[in-house]
Amino acid sequence: MFRLTPEAQARIDAYRELAEERRHVVSLLRNDELVATARFYMAQMTPLRYAPGEPVYDATMWNAILPELLKRVEGKQ
């Protein structure tokens, strides 16, 4: 196993701490806030190199699973 430099280890530790903090903040959101946050983040992303019907995980997640998940959380089944 290789050893990381102290700087690299510090960066990894900071990223892990930030990720944990973000998970905590998101866990405190109400459903409507969670849906709004997800929609906002999705609007800022360039998610796909694939068309909605292409049989790849990315396209299915972005075009089928996430919209359905957001509708259900929102209560718009």
C-alpha atoms as a PDB file:
ATOM      1  CA  MET A   1       0.000   0.000   0.000  1.00  0.00           C
ATOM      2  CA  PHE A   2       1.293   3.446  -0.844  1.00  0.00           C
ATOM      3  CA  ARG A   3       1.412   6.373   1.523  1.00  0.00           C
ATOM      4  CA  LEU A   4      -0.220   9.680   0.780  1.00  0.00           C
ATOM      5  CA  THR A   5       1.527  12.941   1.318  1.00  0.00           C
ATOM      6  CA  PRO A   6       0.285  14.892   4.326  1.00  0.00           C
ATOM      7  CA  GLU A   7      -1.250  17.434   1.949  1.00  0.00           C
ATOM      8  CA  ALA A   8      -3.131  14.756   0.002  1.00  0.00           C
ATOM      9  CA  GLN A   9      -4.389  13.141   3.211  1.00  0.00           C
ATOM     10  CA  ALA A  10      -5.537  16.538   4.511  1.00  0.00           C
ATOM     11  CA  ARG A  11      -7.462  17.147   1.274  1.00  0.00           C
ATOM     12  CA  ILE A  12      -9.147  13.744   1.508  1.00  0.00           C
ATOM     13  CA  ASP A  13     -10.062  14.354   5.147  1.00  0.00           C
ATOM     14  CA  ALA A  14     -11.505  17.789   4.300  1.00  0.00           C
ATOM     15  CA  TYR A  15     -13.586  16.341   1.433  1.00  0.00           C
ATOM     16  CA  ARG A  16     -14.929  13.584   3.674  1.00  0.00           C
ATOM     17  CA  GLU A  17     -15.862  16.122   6.335  1.00  0.00           C
ATOM     18  CA  LEU A  18     -17.592  18.340   3.774  1.00  0.00           C
ATOM     19  CA  ALA A  19     -19.503  15.367   2.341  1.00  0.00           C
ATOM     20  CA  GLU A  20     -20.667  14.344   5.812  1.00  0.00           C
ATOM     21  CA  GLU A  21     -21.759  17.913   6.573  1.00  0.00           C
ATOM     22  CA  ARG A  22     -23.750  18.065   3.316  1.00  0.00           C
ATOM     23  CA  ARG A  23     -25.422  14.715   4.060  1.00  0.00           C
ATOM     24  CA  HIS A  24     -26.412  16.022   7.484  1.00  0.00           C
ATOM     25  CA  VAL A  25     -27.850  19.276   6.116  1.00  0.00           C
ATOM     26  CA  VAL A  26     -29.821  17.406   3.446  1.00  0.00           C
ATOM     27  CA  SER A  27     -31.146  14.943   6.038  1.00  0.00           C
ATOM     28  CA  LEU A  28     -32.739  17.878   7.901  1.00  0.00           C
ATOM     29  CA  LEU A  29     -34.708  19.173   4.892  1.00  0.00           C
ATOM     30  CA  ARG A  30     -38.481  18.772   4.698  1.00  0.00           C
ATOM     31  CA  ASN A  31     -39.711  16.826   1.647  1.00  0.00           C
ATOM     32  CA  ASP A  32     -40.652  19.983  -0.257  1.00  0.00           C
ATOM     33  CA  GLU A  33     -37.242  21.494   0.458  1.00  0.00           C
ATOM     34  CA  LEU A  34     -35.510  18.283  -0.595  1.00  0.00           C
ATOM     35  CA  VAL A  35     -37.406  18.212  -3.905  1.00  0.00           C
ATOM     36  CA  ALA A  36     -36.638  21.885  -4.559  1.00  0.00           C
ATOM     37  CA  THR A  37     -32.967  21.333  -3.754  1.00  0.00           C
ATOM     38  CA  ALA A  38     -32.778  18.276  -6.012  1.00  0.00           C
ATOM     39  CA  ARG A  39     -34.432  20.167  -8.864  1.00  0.00           C
ATOM     40  CA  PHE A  40     -32.041  23.087  -8.382  1.00  0.00           C
ATOM     41  CA  TYR A  41     -28.970  20.851  -8.433  1.00  0.00           C
ATOM     42  CA  MET A  42     -30.287  18.950 -11.460  1.00  0.00           C
ATOM     43  CA  ALA A  43     -30.785  22.256 -13.303  1.00  0.00           C
ATOM     44  CA  GLN A  44     -27.134  23.165 -12.684  1.00  0.00           C
ATOM     45  CA  MET A  45     -25.760  19.864 -13.977  1.00  0.00           C
ATOM     46  CA  THR A  46     -24.914  18.630 -17.427  1.00  0.00           C
ATOM     47  CA  PRO A  47     -26.020  15.097 -16.732  1.00  0.00           C
ATOM     48  CA  LEU A  48     -26.111  13.268 -19.987  1.00  0.00           C
ATOM     49  CA  ARG A  49     -24.215  12.253 -22.979  1.00  0.00           C
ATOM     50  CA  TYR A  50     -27.084   9.910 -23.735  1.00  0.00           C
ATOM     51  CA  ALA A  51     -30.607  10.351 -25.086  1.00  0.00           C
ATOM     52  CA  PRO A  52     -33.490   9.554 -22.699  1.00  0.00           C
ATOM     53  CA  GLY A  53     -34.185   6.154 -24.283  1.00  0.00           C
ATOM     54  CA  GLU A  54     -30.639   4.852 -24.523  1.00  0.00           C
ATOM     55  CA  PRO A  55     -30.164   1.703 -22.436  1.00  0.00           C
ATOM     56  CA  VAL A  56     -27.457   3.013 -20.112  1.00  0.00           C
ATOM     57  CA  TYR A  57     -27.536   3.625 -16.376  1.00  0.00           C
ATOM     58  CA  ASP A  58     -26.963   7.381 -16.620  1.00  0.00           C
ATOM     59  CA  ALA A  59     -29.901   7.986 -18.965  1.00  0.00           C
ATOM     60  CA  THR A  60     -32.226   5.758 -16.953  1.00  0.00           C
ATOM     61  CA  MET A  61     -31.279   7.403 -13.663  1.00  0.00           C
ATOM     62  CA  TRP A  62     -31.607  10.957 -14.973  1.00  0.00           C
ATOM     63  CA  ASN A  63     -34.663  10.573 -17.209  1.00  0.00           C
ATOM     64  CA  ALA A  64     -36.709   7.918 -15.411  1.00  0.00           C
ATOM     65  CA  ILE A  65     -35.719   7.253 -11.812  1.00  0.00           C
ATOM     66  CA  LEU A  66     -34.996  10.780 -10.524  1.00  0.00           C
ATOM     67  CA  PRO A  67     -38.133  12.411 -11.995  1.00  0.00           C
ATOM     68  CA  GLU A  68     -40.312   9.597 -10.597  1.00  0.00           C
ATOM     69  CA  LEU A  69     -38.616   9.795  -7.220  1.00  0.00           C
ATOM     70  CA  LEU A  70     -39.160  13.550  -7.055  1.00  0.00           C
ATOM     71  CA  LYS A  71     -42.833  13.197  -8.045  1.00  0.00           C
ATOM     72  CA  ARG A  72     -43.413  10.592  -5.334  1.00  0.00           C
ATOM     73  CA  VAL A  73     -41.686  12.620  -2.631  1.00  0.00           C
ATOM     74  CA  GLU A  74     -43.715  15.613  -3.730  1.00  0.00           C
ATOM     75  CA  GLY A  75     -46.866  13.505  -3.533  1.00  0.00           C
ATOM     76  CA  LYS A  76     -47.739  13.885  -7.235  1.00  0.00           C
ATOM     77  CA  GLN A  77     -48.110  10.245  -8.183  1.00  0.00           C
END
